[in-house]
Amino acid sequence: MCLRFANSLGSKIYVYWDDHNPAHFHATYAGEDAQVNIEDLTVMRGRLAPRAMGLVIEWATLHRKELRRAWKQAVGHKKVSKIEPFEVTLCTTTLFM
């Protein structure tokens, strides 16, 4: 059983209730899967396309405290708190000549 608790620009982030240590999350994108260590954000197993992995790591860096909490909640079979997805703000500049 797993819980998807965040969606980061098309990737999906999962924590499994009965998963093994060390604390980690699973990220999927375009049919690929990677397990990422929460403490040092290293890839433990698998891979994602470089751009997707970069975005996942950037998101995880911003939400590491929430990821640690989610891991503890999941392995304790408790309700996992929601973590905000990665947001992108597009800026456009119009140049007048």
Protein backbone atom coordinates (compact mmCIF):
# COMPACT_ATOMS: atom_id res chain seq x y z
CA MET A 1 0.00 0.00 0.00
CA CYS A 2 1.25 3.49 -0.76
CA LEU A 3 0.22 7.08 -0.47
CA ARG A 4 0.76 9.63 -3.20
CA PHE A 5 1.13 12.94 -1.45
CA ALA A 6 2.58 15.31 -3.99
CA ASN A 7 2.64 15.89 -7.70
CA SER A 8 5.59 17.83 -9.00
CA LEU A 9 5.25 19.04 -12.61
CA GLY A 10 4.02 15.72 -13.95
CA SER A 11 6.06 13.55 -11.63
CA LYS A 12 4.40 11.67 -8.80
CA ILE A 13 5.89 11.34 -5.35
CA TYR A 14 5.03 8.31 -3.19
CA VAL A 15 5.76 7.06 0.31
CA TYR A 16 4.97 3.39 0.96
CA TRP A 17 3.49 2.40 4.31
CA ASP A 18 5.55 -0.75 4.73
CA ASP A 19 8.78 0.38 3.08
CA HIS A 20 12.33 -0.24 4.30
CA ASN A 21 14.88 2.12 5.82
CA PRO A 22 16.55 4.49 5.19
CA ALA A 23 13.81 7.11 4.93
CA HIS A 24 13.07 7.71 1.26
CA PHE A 25 10.41 8.50 -1.28
CA HIS A 26 9.65 7.18 -4.74
CA ALA A 27 9.41 9.56 -7.68
CA THR A 28 7.90 8.49 -10.99
CA TYR A 29 7.91 10.28 -14.30
CA ALA A 30 7.23 9.02 -17.84
CA GLY A 31 7.28 5.38 -16.77
CA GLU A 32 10.55 5.63 -14.85
CA ASP A 33 10.96 5.31 -11.09
CA ALA A 34 13.63 6.46 -8.65
CA GLN A 35 14.01 6.02 -4.89
CA VAL A 36 15.45 9.13 -3.25
CA ASN A 37 16.96 9.26 0.23
CA ILE A 38 15.24 12.00 2.24
CA GLU A 39 18.28 12.91 4.34
CA ASP A 40 20.83 13.59 1.62
CA LEU A 41 18.61 13.49 -1.51
CA THR A 42 20.78 10.91 -3.22
CA VAL A 43 19.24 8.45 -5.64
CA MET A 44 19.22 5.04 -3.97
CA ARG A 45 17.82 3.09 -6.91
CA GLY A 46 16.41 3.75 -10.36
CA ARG A 47 16.50 6.89 -12.44
CA LEU A 48 14.46 9.67 -13.97
CA ALA A 49 15.24 11.82 -16.97
CA PRO A 50 17.80 14.46 -15.89
CA ARG A 51 15.41 17.41 -16.10
CA ALA A 52 12.67 15.57 -14.19
CA MET A 53 15.16 14.44 -11.53
CA GLY A 54 16.45 17.99 -11.15
CA LEU A 55 12.93 19.29 -10.54
CA VAL A 56 12.16 16.50 -8.06
CA ILE A 57 15.38 17.21 -6.12
CA GLU A 58 14.67 20.95 -6.14
CA TRP A 59 11.15 20.29 -4.81
CA ALA A 60 12.47 17.85 -2.18
CA THR A 61 15.09 20.37 -1.03
CA LEU A 62 12.33 22.89 -0.38
CA HIS A 63 10.17 20.33 1.45
CA ARG A 64 12.65 18.12 3.27
CA LYS A 65 11.15 18.85 6.70
CA GLU A 66 7.70 17.83 5.41
CA LEU A 67 9.17 14.72 3.76
CA ARG A 68 10.74 13.64 7.04
CA ARG A 69 7.40 14.12 8.79
CA ALA A 70 5.55 12.23 6.03
CA TRP A 71 7.98 9.30 6.30
CA LYS A 72 7.47 9.05 10.08
CA GLN A 73 3.70 9.26 9.66
CA ALA A 74 3.63 6.63 6.90
CA VAL A 75 5.78 4.05 8.66
CA GLY A 76 3.71 4.65 11.81
CA HIS A 77 0.56 3.94 9.75
CA LYS A 78 -0.77 7.41 10.49
CA LYS A 79 -2.45 9.90 8.21
CA VAL A 80 0.23 11.57 6.10
CA SER A 81 0.16 15.35 5.93
CA LYS A 82 -0.16 16.91 2.51
CA ILE A 83 2.91 18.46 0.94
CA GLU A 84 2.49 21.27 -1.53
CA PRO A 85 3.37 20.46 -5.15
CA PHE A 86 6.11 22.20 -7.05
CA GLU A 87 4.88 25.44 -8.53
CA VAL A 88 6.26 27.30 -11.49
CA THR A 89 5.62 30.94 -12.16
CA LEU A 90 6.06 31.96 -15.75
CA CYS A 91 7.11 35.52 -16.34
CA THR A 92 6.97 37.24 -19.66
CA THR A 93 8.58 40.50 -20.58
CA THR A 94 7.43 42.64 -23.43
CA LEU A 95 10.08 44.82 -24.97
CA PHE A 96 9.06 47.99 -26.72
CA MET A 97 11.34 49.69 -29.16
